[in-house]
Amino acid sequence: MFLIFEGESNDQKRAPNAISCFLCISLNLADEIPLLLQEQTIIAHKHRGLMIHDTLVISDIHFGKVNHFRKAGIALPSAAIEANFNRLKNLILHYNPAQVAFLGDFFHSDINAEWHLVTAFLQNQEFQCKWLLIEGNHDVLDPRFYADANLELMPFLSVGKFLLTHEPMETVPAGFTNVHGHIHPGIRLRGKARQSFSVACFHLSKHHLCMPAFGELTGLAIRKHQKNDRIFAVTDEGIFDVSNL
């Protein structure tokens, strides 16, 4: 569950209409939102995926994180592992992309037991797509592991007028939009009685589209957006525009 309430019960966290009730406004929740950028329509999905042409873009999935912390004696739920695989599978079956591009931080750190699950997933014959990994700061495995899992490594990827990277580009060429991850963007929304909750988001600024972290248990970096930026919050219930809230 990506909706993080402060001072609310678990039952309230799961309420389908919790967001609208909390903010005391009517929100248009959708499974996906089309965005017109560079004279092309791309699609942002509530499950934190982005479709650009025939490419499904996923950022900061952090496979292996649960087992990484368990090795350090920190107990984390196995449900987080299953949730990552299920959401990724659903997006692939929904959009049937020619390729899936991971914007870095694919596997959290050193090899652990979860890698075997990842390999089995990527080798599943049900998926007829290429797997691309734009390397991030957590992608430290021996390149042979990625090759064995059918993952093609690259420093960046160009899809039409979109430049896909892990970290944001300092300078974006004219006529392009940089789609990136790394930051784990979030937005804090406030209710009428000083309550607040935080959700992951897509953050669209003048030259950049910052992707939400796909992985469970990745945390949020609350963003301060500029006047003309657009913010699309994502929860299990839907994706919605909060740019003017």
C-alpha atoms as a PDB file:
ATOM      1  CA  MET A   1       0.000   0.000   0.000  1.00  0.00           C
ATOM      2  CA  PHE A   2       1.498   3.329  -1.034  1.00  0.00           C
ATOM      3  CA  LEU A   3      -0.815   5.610   0.918  1.00  0.00           C
ATOM      4  CA  ILE A   4       0.848   6.706   4.144  1.00  0.00           C
ATOM      5  CA  PHE A   5      -1.521   8.307   6.650  1.00  0.00           C
ATOM      6  CA  GLU A   6      -0.360  10.084   9.764  1.00  0.00           C
ATOM      7  CA  GLY A   7      -2.534   9.503  12.825  1.00  0.00           C
ATOM      8  CA  GLU A   8      -5.023   7.185  11.098  1.00  0.00           C
ATOM      9  CA  SER A   9      -5.957   3.531  11.702  1.00  0.00           C
ATOM     10  CA  ASN A  10      -5.075   0.647   9.378  1.00  0.00           C
ATOM     11  CA  ASP A  11      -8.744   0.348   8.387  1.00  0.00           C
ATOM     12  CA  GLN A  12      -8.761   3.959   7.288  1.00  0.00           C
ATOM     13  CA  LYS A  13      -5.631   3.402   5.218  1.00  0.00           C
ATOM     14  CA  ARG A  14      -7.446   0.790   3.158  1.00  0.00           C
ATOM     15  CA  ALA A  15     -10.655   2.741   2.591  1.00  0.00           C
ATOM     16  CA  PRO A  16     -11.223   3.147  -1.183  1.00  0.00           C
ATOM     17  CA  ASN A  17     -12.542   6.715  -0.807  1.00  0.00           C
ATOM     18  CA  ALA A  18     -10.079   7.698   1.922  1.00  0.00           C
ATOM     19  CA  ILE A  19      -8.268  10.318  -0.148  1.00  0.00           C
ATOM     20  CA  SER A  20     -11.351  12.299  -1.154  1.00  0.00           C
ATOM     21  CA  CYS A  21     -12.824  12.058   2.347  1.00  0.00           C
ATOM     22  CA  PHE A  22      -9.558  13.110   3.932  1.00  0.00           C
ATOM     23  CA  LEU A  23      -9.154  16.192   1.733  1.00  0.00           C
ATOM     24  CA  CYS A  24     -12.903  16.965   1.714  1.00  0.00           C
ATOM     25  CA  ILE A  25     -12.843  17.337  -2.078  1.00  0.00           C
ATOM     26  CA  SER A  26     -13.850  15.229  -5.064  1.00  0.00           C
ATOM     27  CA  LEU A  27     -10.890  13.623  -6.842  1.00  0.00           C
ATOM     28  CA  ASN A  28     -10.873  12.025 -10.277  1.00  0.00           C
ATOM     29  CA  LEU A  29      -9.025   8.763  -9.614  1.00  0.00           C
ATOM     30  CA  ALA A  30      -7.979   6.838 -12.716  1.00  0.00           C
ATOM     31  CA  ASP A  31      -5.900   3.776 -13.491  1.00  0.00           C
ATOM     32  CA  GLU A  32      -3.825   5.794 -15.944  1.00  0.00           C
ATOM     33  CA  ILE A  33      -3.375   9.368 -17.155  1.00  0.00           C
ATOM     34  CA  PRO A  34      -2.236  10.386 -20.676  1.00  0.00           C
ATOM     35  CA  LEU A  35       0.379  13.137 -20.796  1.00  0.00           C
ATOM     36  CA  LEU A  36       1.135  15.154 -23.918  1.00  0.00           C
ATOM     37  CA  LEU A  37       4.880  15.830 -24.037  1.00  0.00           C
ATOM     38  CA  GLN A  38       7.108  16.605 -27.003  1.00  0.00           C
ATOM     39  CA  GLU A  39       3.978  16.390 -29.200  1.00  0.00           C
ATOM     40  CA  GLN A  40       3.616  12.749 -28.164  1.00  0.00           C
ATOM     41  CA  THR A  41       1.244  11.052 -25.757  1.00  0.00           C
ATOM     42  CA  ILE A  42       2.775   8.977 -22.983  1.00  0.00           C
ATOM     43  CA  ILE A  43       0.838   7.174 -20.248  1.00  0.00           C
ATOM     44  CA  ALA A  44       1.460   7.281 -16.496  1.00  0.00           C
ATOM     45  CA  HIS A  45      -0.102   4.394 -14.547  1.00  0.00           C
ATOM     46  CA  LYS A  46      -1.198   4.197 -10.907  1.00  0.00           C
ATOM     47  CA  HIS A  47       1.151   1.242 -10.418  1.00  0.00           C
ATOM     48  CA  ARG A  48       4.122   3.558 -11.065  1.00  0.00           C
ATOM     49  CA  GLY A  49       4.820   2.532 -14.633  1.00  0.00           C
ATOM     50  CA  LEU A  50       5.190   4.823 -17.659  1.00  0.00           C
ATOM     51  CA  MET A  51       4.506   3.860 -21.275  1.00  0.00           C
ATOM     52  CA  ILE A  52       6.519   5.703 -23.930  1.00  0.00           C
ATOM     53  CA  HIS A  53       5.740   4.360 -27.403  1.00  0.00           C
ATOM     54  CA  ASP A  54       6.370   0.609 -27.064  1.00  0.00           C
ATOM     55  CA  THR A  55       8.564   0.924 -23.959  1.00  0.00           C
ATOM     56  CA  LEU A  56       7.386   0.326 -20.399  1.00  0.00           C
ATOM     57  CA  VAL A  57       9.533   2.384 -18.026  1.00  0.00           C
ATOM     58  CA  ILE A  58      10.044   1.287 -14.410  1.00  0.00           C
ATOM     59  CA  SER A  59      12.284   3.032 -11.902  1.00  0.00           C
ATOM     60  CA  ASP A  60      13.990   2.053  -8.650  1.00  0.00           C
ATOM     61  CA  ILE A  61      12.379  -1.337  -8.164  1.00  0.00           C
ATOM     62  CA  HIS A  62      15.012  -2.389  -5.602  1.00  0.00           C
ATOM     63  CA  PHE A  63      14.580  -6.133  -5.874  1.00  0.00           C
ATOM     64  CA  GLY A  64      16.486  -7.888  -3.082  1.00  0.00           C
ATOM     65  CA  LYS A  65      15.929  -5.172  -0.493  1.00  0.00           C
ATOM     66  CA  VAL A  66      13.835  -7.347   1.819  1.00  0.00           C
ATOM     67  CA  ASN A  67      16.456 -10.080   1.983  1.00  0.00           C
ATOM     68  CA  HIS A  68      19.269  -7.530   2.198  1.00  0.00           C
ATOM     69  CA  PHE A  69      17.846  -6.116   5.438  1.00  0.00           C
ATOM     70  CA  ARG A  70      16.939  -9.540   6.769  1.00  0.00           C
ATOM     71  CA  LYS A  71      20.606 -10.529   6.519  1.00  0.00           C
ATOM     72  CA  ALA A  72      21.327  -7.526   8.733  1.00  0.00           C
ATOM     73  CA  GLY A  73      18.785  -8.724  11.307  1.00  0.00           C
ATOM     74  CA  ILE A  74      16.000  -6.335  10.291  1.00  0.00           C
ATOM     75  CA  ALA A  75      12.699  -8.131   9.744  1.00  0.00           C
ATOM     76  CA  LEU A  76      10.724  -7.034   6.669  1.00  0.00           C
ATOM     77  CA  PRO A  77       7.550  -8.670   5.294  1.00  0.00           C
ATOM     78  CA  SER A  78       7.720 -11.149   2.412  1.00  0.00           C
ATOM     79  CA  ALA A  79       4.540  -9.608   1.019  1.00  0.00           C
ATOM     80  CA  ALA A  80       6.634  -6.724  -0.317  1.00  0.00           C
ATOM     81  CA  ILE A  81       8.503  -9.114  -2.631  1.00  0.00           C
ATOM     82  CA  GLU A  82       5.301 -10.588  -4.027  1.00  0.00           C
ATOM     83  CA  ALA A  83       3.757  -7.134  -4.488  1.00  0.00           C
ATOM     84  CA  ASN A  84       6.647  -5.961  -6.684  1.00  0.00           C
ATOM     85  CA  PHE A  85       6.407  -8.998  -8.966  1.00  0.00           C
ATOM     86  CA  ASN A  86       2.600  -8.840  -9.180  1.00  0.00           C
ATOM     87  CA  ARG A  87       2.454  -5.160 -10.119  1.00  0.00           C
ATOM     88  CA  LEU A  88       5.203  -5.562 -12.698  1.00  0.00           C
ATOM     89  CA  LYS A  89       3.493  -8.586 -14.241  1.00  0.00           C
ATOM     90  CA  ASN A  90       0.148  -6.795 -14.402  1.00  0.00           C
ATOM     91  CA  LEU A  91       1.678  -3.798 -16.171  1.00  0.00           C
ATOM     92  CA  ILE A  92       3.428  -5.997 -18.741  1.00  0.00           C
ATOM     93  CA  LEU A  93       0.295  -8.010 -19.487  1.00  0.00           C
ATOM     94  CA  HIS A  94      -1.776  -4.811 -19.699  1.00  0.00           C
ATOM     95  CA  TYR A  95       0.481  -2.895 -22.092  1.00  0.00           C
ATOM     96  CA  ASN A  96       2.325  -5.745 -23.881  1.00  0.00           C
ATOM     97  CA  PRO A  97       5.477  -3.626 -24.372  1.00  0.00           C
ATOM     98  CA  ALA A  98       8.228  -4.493 -26.838  1.00  0.00           C
ATOM     99  CA  GLN A  99      10.748  -3.671 -24.130  1.00  0.00           C
ATOM    100  CA  VAL A 100      10.868  -2.897 -20.423  1.00  0.00           C
ATOM    101  CA  ALA A 101      13.425  -0.288 -19.367  1.00  0.00           C
ATOM    102  CA  PHE A 102      14.446  -0.238 -15.708  1.00  0.00           C
ATOM    103  CA  LEU A 103      15.844   3.174 -14.704  1.00  0.00           C
ATOM    104  CA  GLY A 104      18.471   1.868 -12.329  1.00  0.00           C
ATOM    105  CA  ASP A 105      18.546   0.487  -8.796  1.00  0.00           C
ATOM    106  CA  PHE A 106      17.162  -2.786 -10.085  1.00  0.00           C
ATOM    107  CA  PHE A 107      18.677  -4.984  -7.371  1.00  0.00           C
ATOM    108  CA  HIS A 108      19.303  -3.357  -4.029  1.00  0.00           C
ATOM    109  CA  SER A 109      22.832  -4.501  -3.243  1.00  0.00           C
ATOM    110  CA  ASP A 110      24.818  -7.743  -3.092  1.00  0.00           C
ATOM    111  CA  ILE A 111      23.394 -10.991  -4.384  1.00  0.00           C
ATOM    112  CA  ASN A 112      20.882 -12.749  -2.151  1.00  0.00           C
ATOM    113  CA  ALA A 113      18.143 -15.370  -2.377  1.00  0.00           C
ATOM    114  CA  GLU A 114      15.729 -13.015  -4.115  1.00  0.00           C
ATOM    115  CA  TRP A 115      17.917 -12.935  -7.229  1.00  0.00           C
ATOM    116  CA  HIS A 116      16.734 -16.439  -8.173  1.00  0.00           C
ATOM    117  CA  LEU A 117      13.122 -15.173  -8.158  1.00  0.00           C
ATOM    118  CA  VAL A 118      14.136 -12.227 -10.338  1.00  0.00           C
ATOM    119  CA  THR A 119      15.893 -14.473 -12.849  1.00  0.00           C
ATOM    120  CA  ALA A 120      12.902 -16.810 -13.070  1.00  0.00           C
ATOM    121  CA  PHE A 121      10.607 -13.831 -13.665  1.00  0.00           C
ATOM    122  CA  LEU A 122      12.732 -12.374 -16.471  1.00  0.00           C
ATOM    123  CA  GLN A 123      13.071 -15.759 -18.160  1.00  0.00           C
ATOM    124  CA  ASN A 124       9.320 -16.406 -18.096  1.00  0.00           C
ATOM    125  CA  GLN A 125       8.254 -17.266 -21.650  1.00  0.00           C
ATOM    126  CA  GLU A 126       4.923 -15.553 -21.003  1.00  0.00           C
ATOM    127  CA  PHE A 127       6.672 -12.214 -21.517  1.00  0.00           C
ATOM    128  CA  GLN A 128       7.669 -11.447 -25.097  1.00  0.00           C
ATOM    129  CA  CYS A 129       9.739  -8.346 -24.393  1.00  0.00           C
ATOM    130  CA  LYS A 130      13.331  -7.226 -24.085  1.00  0.00           C
ATOM    131  CA  TRP A 131      14.724  -6.318 -20.670  1.00  0.00           C
ATOM    132  CA  LEU A 132      16.908  -3.206 -20.457  1.00  0.00           C
ATOM    133  CA  LEU A 133      18.710  -1.896 -17.384  1.00  0.00           C
ATOM    134  CA  ILE A 134      20.010   1.660 -17.221  1.00  0.00           C
ATOM    135  CA  GLU A 135      22.565   1.297 -14.473  1.00  0.00           C
ATOM    136  CA  GLY A 136      22.035   3.030 -11.134  1.00  0.00           C
ATOM    137  CA  ASN A 137      24.131   3.439  -8.016  1.00  0.00           C
ATOM    138  CA  HIS A 138      22.766   0.233  -6.440  1.00  0.00           C
ATOM    139  CA  ASP A 139      23.434  -1.930  -9.497  1.00  0.00           C
ATOM    140  CA  VAL A 140      26.701  -3.421  -8.278  1.00  0.00           C
ATOM    141  CA  LEU A 141      26.382  -7.090  -9.245  1.00  0.00           C
ATOM    142  CA  ASP A 142      28.880  -8.767 -11.533  1.00  0.00           C
ATOM    143  CA  PRO A 143      27.724  -8.119 -15.138  1.00  0.00           C
ATOM    144  CA  ARG A 144      27.492 -11.881 -15.678  1.00  0.00           C
ATOM    145  CA  PHE A 145      24.470 -12.029 -13.349  1.00  0.00           C
ATOM    146  CA  TYR A 146      22.600  -9.509 -15.486  1.00  0.00           C
ATOM    147  CA  ALA A 147      23.548 -11.316 -18.696  1.00  0.00           C
ATOM    148  CA  ASP A 148      22.316 -14.631 -17.311  1.00  0.00           C
ATOM    149  CA  ALA A 149      18.984 -12.968 -16.479  1.00  0.00           C
ATOM    150  CA  ASN A 150      18.606 -11.598 -20.045  1.00  0.00           C
ATOM    151  CA  LEU A 151      19.165  -8.007 -18.879  1.00  0.00           C
ATOM    152  CA  GLU A 152      20.975  -5.689 -21.284  1.00  0.00           C
ATOM    153  CA  LEU A 153      23.020  -3.019 -19.473  1.00  0.00           C
ATOM    154  CA  MET A 154      23.344   0.535 -20.747  1.00  0.00           C
ATOM    155  CA  PRO A 155      24.195   3.994 -19.345  1.00  0.00           C
ATOM    156  CA  PHE A 156      21.089   5.653 -20.861  1.00  0.00           C
ATOM    157  CA  LEU A 157      18.351   5.036 -23.414  1.00  0.00           C
ATOM    158  CA  SER A 158      16.803   7.323 -26.020  1.00  0.00           C
ATOM    159  CA  VAL A 159      13.163   6.678 -26.932  1.00  0.00           C
ATOM    160  CA  GLY A 160      12.009   9.282 -29.430  1.00  0.00           C
ATOM    161  CA  LYS A 161      12.335  12.673 -27.763  1.00  0.00           C
ATOM    162  CA  PHE A 162      12.761  11.151 -24.306  1.00  0.00           C
ATOM    163  CA  LEU A 163      16.155  10.539 -22.694  1.00  0.00           C
ATOM    164  CA  LEU A 164      15.973   7.834 -20.020  1.00  0.00           C
ATOM    165  CA  THR A 165      18.554   7.925 -17.211  1.00  0.00           C
ATOM    166  CA  HIS A 166      18.864   6.878 -13.580  1.00  0.00           C
ATOM    167  CA  GLU A 167      19.892  10.236 -12.125  1.00  0.00           C
ATOM    168  CA  PRO A 168      18.532  13.531 -13.490  1.00  0.00           C
ATOM    169  CA  MET A 169      20.562  15.138 -16.252  1.00  0.00           C
ATOM    170  CA  GLU A 170      22.031  18.507 -15.326  1.00  0.00           C
ATOM    171  CA  THR A 171      21.616  19.746 -18.888  1.00  0.00           C
ATOM    172  CA  VAL A 172      18.860  18.418 -21.134  1.00  0.00           C
ATOM    173  CA  PRO A 173      19.288  18.954 -24.906  1.00  0.00           C
ATOM    174  CA  ALA A 174      16.742  21.271 -26.495  1.00  0.00           C
ATOM    175  CA  GLY A 175      13.632  19.453 -27.674  1.00  0.00           C
ATOM    176  CA  PHE A 176      14.039  16.521 -25.249  1.00  0.00           C
ATOM    177  CA  THR A 177      12.600  15.504 -21.906  1.00  0.00           C
ATOM    178  CA  ASN A 178      14.742  13.637 -19.391  1.00  0.00           C
ATOM    179  CA  VAL A 179      12.831  10.783 -17.738  1.00  0.00           C
ATOM    180  CA  HIS A 180      14.722   9.673 -14.629  1.00  0.00           C
ATOM    181  CA  GLY A 181      14.487   7.986 -11.260  1.00  0.00           C
ATOM    182  CA  HIS A 182      16.832   7.933  -8.244  1.00  0.00           C
ATOM    183  CA  ILE A 183      14.954  10.515  -6.151  1.00  0.00           C
ATOM    184  CA  HIS A 184      11.862   8.528  -5.026  1.00  0.00           C
ATOM    185  CA  PRO A 185       9.581  11.604  -5.267  1.00  0.00           C
ATOM    186  CA  GLY A 186       6.620  12.065  -2.953  1.00  0.00           C
ATOM    187  CA  ILE A 187       4.053  14.728  -2.201  1.00  0.00           C
ATOM    188  CA  ARG A 188       2.516  15.613   1.173  1.00  0.00           C
ATOM    189  CA  LEU A 189      -1.197  16.377   1.125  1.00  0.00           C
ATOM    190  CA  ARG A 190      -2.945  18.075   4.023  1.00  0.00           C
ATOM    191  CA  GLY A 191      -6.507  17.728   5.278  1.00  0.00           C
ATOM    192  CA  LYS A 192      -8.802  20.294   6.846  1.00  0.00           C
ATOM    193  CA  ALA A 193      -7.857  19.391  10.435  1.00  0.00           C
ATOM    194  CA  ARG A 194      -4.077  19.609  10.077  1.00  0.00           C
ATOM    195  CA  GLN A 195      -3.769  15.922   9.235  1.00  0.00           C
ATOM    196  CA  SER A 196      -1.426  14.990   6.438  1.00  0.00           C
ATOM    197  CA  PHE A 197      -0.430  12.005   4.390  1.00  0.00           C
ATOM    198  CA  SER A 198       2.295  11.368   1.858  1.00  0.00           C
ATOM    199  CA  VAL A 199       2.128   9.496  -1.426  1.00  0.00           C
ATOM    200  CA  ALA A 200       4.533   8.675  -4.231  1.00  0.00           C
ATOM    201  CA  CYS A 201       4.214  10.790  -7.363  1.00  0.00           C
ATOM    202  CA  PHE A 202       5.307  11.559 -10.887  1.00  0.00           C
ATOM    203  CA  HIS A 203       6.908  15.018 -10.896  1.00  0.00           C
ATOM    204  CA  LEU A 204       6.895  16.791 -14.255  1.00  0.00           C
ATOM    205  CA  SER A 205       8.977  19.964 -14.504  1.00  0.00           C
ATOM    206  CA  LYS A 206      10.198  21.992 -17.481  1.00  0.00           C
ATOM    207  CA  HIS A 207      12.774  19.508 -18.783  1.00  0.00           C
ATOM    208  CA  HIS A 208      12.433  16.501 -16.469  1.00  0.00           C
ATOM    209  CA  LEU A 209       9.918  13.820 -15.595  1.00  0.00           C
ATOM    210  CA  CYS A 210      10.898  12.268 -12.263  1.00  0.00           C
ATOM    211  CA  MET A 211       9.551   8.725 -11.858  1.00  0.00           C
ATOM    212  CA  PRO A 212       8.159   7.361  -8.590  1.00  0.00           C
ATOM    213  CA  ALA A 213      10.117   4.492  -7.071  1.00  0.00           C
ATOM    214  CA  PHE A 214       8.433   1.243  -8.069  1.00  0.00           C
ATOM    215  CA  GLY A 215       9.655  -0.896  -5.184  1.00  0.00           C
ATOM    216  CA  GLU A 216       7.875  -1.431  -1.925  1.00  0.00           C
ATOM    217  CA  LEU A 217       9.617  -0.088   1.198  1.00  0.00           C
ATOM    218  CA  THR A 218      11.663   2.466  -0.729  1.00  0.00           C
ATOM    219  CA  GLY A 219      10.627   5.602   1.169  1.00  0.00           C
ATOM    220  CA  LEU A 220       9.747   9.026  -0.203  1.00  0.00           C
ATOM    221  CA  ALA A 221      11.587  12.298  -0.792  1.00  0.00           C
ATOM    222  CA  ILE A 222       8.955  15.014  -0.444  1.00  0.00           C
ATOM    223  CA  ARG A 223       9.180  17.353  -3.434  1.00  0.00           C
ATOM    224  CA  LYS A 224       8.763  21.114  -3.521  1.00  0.00           C
ATOM    225  CA  HIS A 225       7.390  21.930  -6.944  1.00  0.00           C
ATOM    226  CA  GLN A 226       7.541  25.145  -8.907  1.00  0.00           C
ATOM    227  CA  LYS A 227       4.560  27.121 -10.196  1.00  0.00           C
ATOM    228  CA  ASN A 228       4.237  25.420 -13.580  1.00  0.00           C
ATOM    229  CA  ASP A 229       5.221  21.915 -12.485  1.00  0.00           C
ATOM    230  CA  ARG A 230       2.692  19.096 -12.592  1.00  0.00           C
ATOM    231  CA  ILE A 231       2.401  16.488  -9.851  1.00  0.00           C
ATOM    232  CA  PHE A 232       0.533  13.209 -10.267  1.00  0.00           C
ATOM    233  CA  ALA A 233       0.049  11.285  -7.027  1.00  0.00           C
ATOM    234  CA  VAL A 234      -0.157   7.490  -7.185  1.00  0.00           C
ATOM    235  CA  THR A 235      -1.893   5.099  -4.808  1.00  0.00           C
ATOM    236  CA  ASP A 236      -3.409   1.635  -5.077  1.00  0.00           C
ATOM    237  CA  GLU A 237      -6.764   3.336  -5.699  1.00  0.00           C
ATOM    238  CA  GLY A 238      -5.632   5.449  -8.629  1.00  0.00           C
ATOM    239  CA  ILE A 239      -3.487   8.214 -10.069  1.00  0.00           C
ATOM    240  CA  PHE A 240      -4.655  11.817  -9.747  1.00  0.00           C
ATOM    241  CA  ASP A 241      -3.433  15.329 -10.477  1.00  0.00           C
ATOM    242  CA  VAL A 242      -2.533  17.262  -7.327  1.00  0.00           C
ATOM    243  CA  SER A 243      -0.673  20.101  -9.045  1.00  0.00           C
ATOM    244  CA  ASN A 244      -3.125  22.716  -7.776  1.00  0.00           C
ATOM    245  CA  LEU A 245      -3.974  21.291  -4.361  1.00  0.00           C
END
